[in-house]
């Protein structure tokens, strides 16, 4: 039995109610809904530049990760090992290598750690990255090499792309056309993948994360560039105003991301559309509406 198999069986053997509850709590912090909620809090209410930078680093890292997943197509641990006790299996979508939770956490929280000067914030972010990476193995949804791969993608993206994203916002007109062109390519690529999933060419269950990532990326990059060159909202305002701003924005975002799910026809193309609209709402449509409602300065 290989060392990887021994590690997985070891963690499977120590699962218990208390440890599983703690693992579930912390791994949720590395899931897309929580990360989106935190990103929007920073972007809308705390520091627009740093919020954009953290999301920028994450979406590029996530797209790289999803492309590698589709190419490598490595099976999940429970697909290889018999009698493996798996916790929170429903969060493990697509192929195994590299770990999506680890990649998103390392790039997103890593970007926050790099852009914020607070030692406390940096310590919390680094701790979360390490804990989430470890827990993906503890839960038996990923191999150890999966989380190492996620760290290898996420951390460099956090370091390199955070700096670029901050620079881009300081000189948005310099690279606006390039950014919008890249965003358009991502959107088209995501739509093509969604269509191929819809008609059965690709396995939707294993590949859908790729077009979801491209949908959000295209919407965020194109329309955030448009926002910065037209709306240019500011996060200033009283604490009460910022709280109201966040609540209204999240209601709209959840309405698109989750509320439209039972309304729109099922299928990969409409799922792609929901995530594209989510990105557009977050960085352009809501700031535009929010300015008219006096929620943004």
Protein backbone atom coordinates (compact mmCIF):
# COMPACT_ATOMS: atom_id res chain seq x y z
CA UNK A 1 0.00 0.00 0.00
CA UNK A 2 1.42 3.40 -1.01
CA UNK A 3 2.08 6.20 1.49
CA UNK A 4 -0.79 8.19 -0.04
CA UNK A 5 -3.20 5.35 0.55
CA UNK A 6 -1.98 4.92 4.12
CA UNK A 7 -2.51 8.63 4.82
CA UNK A 8 -6.06 8.54 3.51
CA UNK A 9 -6.98 5.45 5.51
CA UNK A 10 -5.42 6.97 8.64
CA UNK A 11 -7.59 10.09 8.44
CA UNK A 12 -10.62 8.01 7.56
CA UNK A 13 -10.05 5.97 10.73
CA UNK A 14 -9.94 8.98 13.10
CA UNK A 15 -13.17 10.65 11.93
CA UNK A 16 -15.53 11.42 14.78
CA UNK A 17 -18.44 13.76 15.47
CA UNK A 18 -16.39 16.53 17.13
CA UNK A 19 -13.52 16.59 14.65
CA UNK A 20 -15.91 16.34 11.70
CA UNK A 21 -17.94 19.31 13.00
CA UNK A 22 -14.79 21.43 13.35
CA UNK A 23 -13.58 20.35 9.92
CA UNK A 24 -16.93 21.22 8.34
CA UNK A 25 -16.89 24.67 9.93
CA UNK A 26 -13.42 25.63 8.74
CA UNK A 27 -13.66 24.09 5.29
CA UNK A 28 -16.81 26.17 4.62
CA UNK A 29 -14.59 29.27 4.90
CA UNK A 30 -12.82 28.04 1.77
CA UNK A 31 -16.00 27.54 -0.27
CA UNK A 32 -17.20 29.83 -3.03
CA UNK A 33 -20.23 31.37 -1.30
CA UNK A 34 -18.25 32.44 1.77
CA UNK A 35 -15.33 33.73 -0.31
CA UNK A 36 -17.70 35.71 -2.53
CA UNK A 37 -19.41 37.18 0.55
CA UNK A 38 -16.07 38.26 2.06
CA UNK A 39 -14.81 39.61 -1.28
CA UNK A 40 -17.94 41.72 -1.69
CA UNK A 41 -17.66 43.05 1.86
CA UNK A 42 -14.14 44.27 1.13
CA UNK A 43 -14.91 45.50 -2.39
CA UNK A 44 -18.13 47.38 -1.57
CA UNK A 45 -17.50 48.55 1.97
CA UNK A 46 -13.85 48.47 3.10
CA UNK A 47 -11.27 48.91 0.33
CA UNK A 48 -12.28 48.72 -3.31
CA UNK A 49 -8.75 48.22 -4.66
CA UNK A 50 -7.87 45.45 -2.25
CA UNK A 51 -11.22 43.76 -2.74
CA UNK A 52 -10.74 43.73 -6.50
CA UNK A 53 -7.15 42.50 -6.13
CA UNK A 54 -8.15 39.55 -3.94
CA UNK A 55 -10.90 38.53 -6.37
CA UNK A 56 -8.57 39.06 -9.35
CA UNK A 57 -5.92 36.74 -7.90
CA UNK A 58 -8.52 34.12 -7.03
CA UNK A 59 -10.30 33.97 -10.38
CA UNK A 60 -7.06 33.55 -12.33
CA UNK A 61 -5.82 30.87 -9.92
CA UNK A 62 -9.19 29.12 -10.12
CA UNK A 63 -9.18 29.10 -13.91
CA UNK A 64 -5.65 27.66 -13.99
CA UNK A 65 -6.71 25.02 -11.48
CA UNK A 66 -9.85 24.08 -13.41
CA UNK A 67 -7.94 23.73 -16.68
CA UNK A 68 -5.39 21.44 -15.00
CA UNK A 69 -8.23 19.37 -13.50
CA UNK A 70 -9.76 18.77 -16.93
CA UNK A 71 -6.39 17.87 -18.45
CA UNK A 72 -5.08 15.60 -15.65
CA UNK A 73 -8.46 14.04 -14.71
CA UNK A 74 -7.16 12.47 -11.50
CA UNK A 75 -9.79 10.47 -9.57
CA UNK A 76 -10.99 11.33 -6.07
CA UNK A 77 -9.73 9.16 -3.19
CA UNK A 78 -13.03 7.31 -2.71
CA UNK A 79 -12.98 6.34 -6.40
CA UNK A 80 -9.74 4.43 -5.80
CA UNK A 81 -9.89 3.24 -2.19
CA UNK A 82 -12.53 0.89 -0.84
CA UNK A 83 -14.32 1.49 2.48
CA UNK A 84 -13.01 5.05 2.79
CA UNK A 85 -15.09 7.21 5.10
CA UNK A 86 -15.60 10.57 3.37
CA UNK A 87 -16.97 13.72 5.02
CA UNK A 88 -18.61 16.59 3.12
CA UNK A 89 -18.43 14.67 -0.12
CA UNK A 90 -21.01 16.97 -1.74
CA UNK A 91 -18.44 19.80 -1.86
CA UNK A 92 -15.98 17.72 -3.88
CA UNK A 93 -16.96 18.48 -7.47
CA UNK A 94 -14.99 17.66 -10.58
CA UNK A 95 -11.67 15.86 -10.67
CA UNK A 96 -9.27 15.65 -7.75
CA UNK A 97 -6.00 17.33 -8.75
CA UNK A 98 -5.43 20.08 -7.82
CA UNK A 99 -7.65 20.95 -4.84
CA UNK A 100 -10.15 23.69 -5.66
CA UNK A 101 -10.74 24.73 -2.05
CA UNK A 102 -7.01 24.97 -1.43
CA UNK A 103 -6.38 26.92 -4.64
CA UNK A 104 -9.18 29.41 -3.95
CA UNK A 105 -8.20 29.85 -0.30
CA UNK A 106 -4.49 30.25 -1.01
CA UNK A 107 -5.06 32.82 -3.75
CA UNK A 108 -7.89 34.75 -2.07
CA UNK A 109 -6.71 34.82 1.54
CA UNK A 110 -3.13 35.04 0.34
CA UNK A 111 -3.99 38.18 -1.60
CA UNK A 112 -5.68 39.69 1.46
CA UNK A 113 -2.60 38.87 3.54
CA UNK A 114 -0.39 40.59 0.98
CA UNK A 115 -2.49 43.72 0.51
CA UNK A 116 -3.44 44.43 4.13
CA UNK A 117 -0.69 45.61 6.47
CA UNK A 118 -2.25 44.31 9.68
CA UNK A 119 -0.24 41.50 11.26
CA UNK A 120 -3.42 40.08 12.76
CA UNK A 121 -5.11 39.92 9.34
CA UNK A 122 -2.05 38.29 7.83
CA UNK A 123 -1.83 35.70 10.60
CA UNK A 124 -5.52 34.82 10.26
CA UNK A 125 -5.26 34.50 6.48
CA UNK A 126 -2.15 32.32 6.59
CA UNK A 127 -3.71 30.15 9.29
CA UNK A 128 -6.89 29.72 7.25
CA UNK A 129 -4.92 28.69 4.16
CA UNK A 130 -3.02 26.03 6.13
CA UNK A 131 -6.10 24.75 7.97
CA UNK A 132 -8.30 24.52 4.87
CA UNK A 133 -5.56 22.73 2.92
CA UNK A 134 -5.06 20.20 5.72
CA UNK A 135 -8.77 19.61 6.19
CA UNK A 136 -9.33 18.67 2.55
CA UNK A 137 -7.12 15.66 3.23
CA UNK A 138 -8.67 15.02 6.66
CA UNK A 139 -12.14 14.96 5.08
CA UNK A 140 -10.78 12.39 2.58
CA UNK A 141 -12.00 14.39 -0.41
CA UNK A 142 -8.46 15.06 -1.67
CA UNK A 143 -5.07 13.37 -1.84
CA UNK A 144 -2.10 15.14 -0.18
CA UNK A 145 -0.69 15.94 -3.63
CA UNK A 146 -3.95 17.70 -4.52
CA UNK A 147 -3.57 20.27 -1.75
CA UNK A 148 0.13 20.73 -2.51
CA UNK A 149 -0.86 21.43 -6.11
CA UNK A 150 -3.48 23.92 -4.95
CA UNK A 151 -0.92 25.74 -2.81
CA UNK A 152 1.56 25.76 -5.68
CA UNK A 153 -1.01 27.55 -7.86
CA UNK A 154 -2.73 29.77 -5.31
CA UNK A 155 0.23 31.27 -3.43
CA UNK A 156 2.17 32.50 -6.51
CA UNK A 157 -1.06 33.95 -7.95
CA UNK A 158 -1.68 35.79 -4.67
CA UNK A 159 1.84 37.23 -4.66
CA UNK A 160 2.16 38.16 -8.32
CA UNK A 161 -1.39 39.05 -9.35
CA UNK A 162 -2.25 41.13 -6.29
CA UNK A 163 0.54 43.53 -7.19
CA UNK A 164 -0.61 43.70 -10.81
CA UNK A 165 -4.26 44.21 -9.87
CA UNK A 166 -3.39 47.11 -7.57
CA UNK A 167 -1.24 48.65 -10.32
CA UNK A 168 -3.99 48.14 -12.89
CA UNK A 169 -6.48 50.11 -10.81
CA UNK A 170 -4.01 52.97 -10.45
CA UNK A 171 -3.57 53.07 -14.25
CA UNK A 172 -6.83 51.60 -15.49
CA UNK A 173 -6.89 53.46 -18.82
CA UNK A 174 -3.46 52.07 -19.71
CA UNK A 175 -4.59 48.43 -19.80
CA UNK A 176 -8.38 48.76 -20.06
CA UNK A 177 -8.65 47.45 -23.62
CA UNK A 178 -6.36 44.49 -22.90
CA UNK A 179 -8.31 43.58 -19.77
CA UNK A 180 -11.65 43.76 -21.55
CA UNK A 181 -10.29 41.69 -24.44
CA UNK A 182 -9.08 38.96 -22.06
CA UNK A 183 -12.45 39.09 -20.27
CA UNK A 184 -14.31 38.67 -23.56
CA UNK A 185 -12.16 35.65 -24.46
CA UNK A 186 -12.88 34.09 -21.07
CA UNK A 187 -16.61 34.63 -21.50
CA UNK A 188 -16.64 33.10 -24.98
CA UNK A 189 -14.51 30.15 -23.85
CA UNK A 190 -16.80 29.55 -20.89
CA UNK A 191 -19.90 29.65 -23.08
CA UNK A 192 -18.35 27.16 -25.52
CA UNK A 193 -17.54 24.77 -22.65
CA UNK A 194 -21.09 25.16 -21.31
CA UNK A 195 -22.55 24.37 -24.74
CA UNK A 196 -20.34 21.29 -25.07
CA UNK A 197 -21.49 20.16 -21.62
CA UNK A 198 -25.11 20.81 -22.57
CA UNK A 199 -24.92 18.65 -25.69
CA UNK A 200 -23.07 15.82 -23.94
CA UNK A 201 -19.65 16.27 -25.52
CA UNK A 202 -18.17 16.95 -22.07
CA UNK A 203 -19.17 15.37 -18.78
CA UNK A 204 -21.01 18.24 -17.12
CA UNK A 205 -20.57 16.83 -13.61
CA UNK A 206 -16.78 16.85 -13.98
CA UNK A 207 -16.26 19.94 -16.19
CA UNK A 208 -18.90 22.44 -15.01
CA UNK A 209 -16.49 24.12 -12.57
CA UNK A 210 -14.45 25.25 -15.58
CA UNK A 211 -17.24 27.18 -17.30
CA UNK A 212 -18.46 28.55 -13.94
CA UNK A 213 -15.01 29.99 -13.25
CA UNK A 214 -14.76 31.46 -16.74
CA UNK A 215 -18.26 32.96 -16.46
CA UNK A 216 -17.48 34.79 -13.23
CA UNK A 217 -14.05 35.84 -14.52
CA UNK A 218 -15.43 37.27 -17.74
CA UNK A 219 -18.17 39.20 -15.97
CA UNK A 220 -15.91 40.55 -13.24
CA UNK A 221 -12.97 41.57 -15.42
CA UNK A 222 -14.94 43.17 -18.24
CA UNK A 223 -17.44 45.06 -16.13
CA UNK A 224 -15.07 46.05 -13.33
CA UNK A 225 -12.95 47.74 -16.00
CA UNK A 226 -16.09 49.43 -17.31
CA UNK A 227 -17.03 50.47 -13.78
CA UNK A 228 -13.66 52.03 -13.06
CA UNK A 229 -13.74 54.07 -16.27
CA UNK A 230 -17.37 55.23 -15.90
CA UNK A 231 -18.94 54.87 -12.44
CA UNK A 232 -15.83 54.91 -10.23
CA UNK A 233 -17.73 54.43 -6.95
CA UNK A 234 -16.13 54.99 -3.56
CA UNK A 235 -16.57 52.91 -0.41
CA UNK A 236 -16.81 55.98 1.84
CA UNK A 237 -19.79 56.54 4.12
CA UNK A 238 -20.99 55.92 7.64
CA UNK A 239 -20.93 52.47 9.21
CA UNK A 240 -24.72 52.31 8.92
CA UNK A 241 -24.60 53.18 5.24
CA UNK A 242 -21.95 50.55 4.57
CA UNK A 243 -23.97 47.89 6.37
CA UNK A 244 -27.08 48.79 4.37
CA UNK A 245 -25.02 48.84 1.18
CA UNK A 246 -23.70 45.36 1.88
CA UNK A 247 -27.09 43.91 2.76
CA UNK A 248 -28.78 45.28 -0.36
CA UNK A 249 -25.91 44.13 -2.56
CA UNK A 250 -25.89 40.62 -1.12
CA UNK A 251 -29.67 40.29 -1.47
CA UNK A 252 -29.30 41.08 -5.16
CA UNK A 253 -26.33 38.76 -5.57
CA UNK A 254 -28.05 35.85 -3.82
CA UNK A 255 -31.17 36.55 -5.84
CA UNK A 256 -29.20 36.06 -9.05
CA UNK A 257 -26.98 33.21 -7.92
CA UNK A 258 -29.58 31.16 -6.07
CA UNK A 259 -32.97 32.79 -6.66
CA UNK A 260 -32.78 32.47 -10.45
CA UNK A 261 -31.89 28.78 -10.20
CA UNK A 262 -35.50 27.50 -9.94
CA UNK A 263 -36.76 30.14 -12.38
CA UNK A 264 -34.41 29.63 -15.32
CA UNK A 265 -34.58 26.39 -17.33
CA UNK A 266 -32.15 23.74 -16.18
CA UNK A 267 -28.99 23.14 -18.16
CA UNK A 268 -25.38 24.18 -18.41
CA UNK A 269 -25.96 27.24 -20.59
CA UNK A 270 -28.37 28.79 -18.09
CA UNK A 271 -26.07 27.87 -15.21
CA UNK A 272 -23.27 29.66 -17.06
CA UNK A 273 -25.57 32.67 -17.47
CA UNK A 274 -26.36 32.85 -13.74
CA UNK A 275 -22.70 33.02 -12.79
CA UNK A 276 -21.95 35.54 -15.52
CA UNK A 277 -24.78 37.76 -14.24
CA UNK A 278 -23.48 37.34 -10.69
CA UNK A 279 -20.11 38.79 -11.70
CA UNK A 280 -21.76 41.64 -13.60
CA UNK A 281 -24.00 42.51 -10.66
CA UNK A 282 -21.13 42.47 -8.17
CA UNK A 283 -18.81 44.88 -9.95
CA UNK A 284 -20.99 47.01 -12.24
CA UNK A 285 -24.78 46.69 -12.06
CA UNK A 286 -25.02 47.08 -8.30
CA UNK A 287 -22.57 50.01 -8.05
CA UNK A 288 -24.52 51.70 -10.86
CA UNK A 289 -27.84 51.13 -9.10
CA UNK A 290 -26.31 51.86 -5.70
CA UNK A 291 -25.11 55.28 -6.80
CA UNK A 292 -28.59 56.20 -7.93
CA UNK A 293 -29.99 54.99 -4.60
CA UNK A 294 -27.31 56.95 -2.72
CA UNK A 295 -25.86 53.74 -1.29
CA UNK A 296 -22.47 54.51 -2.86
CA UNK A 297 -20.63 57.80 -2.69
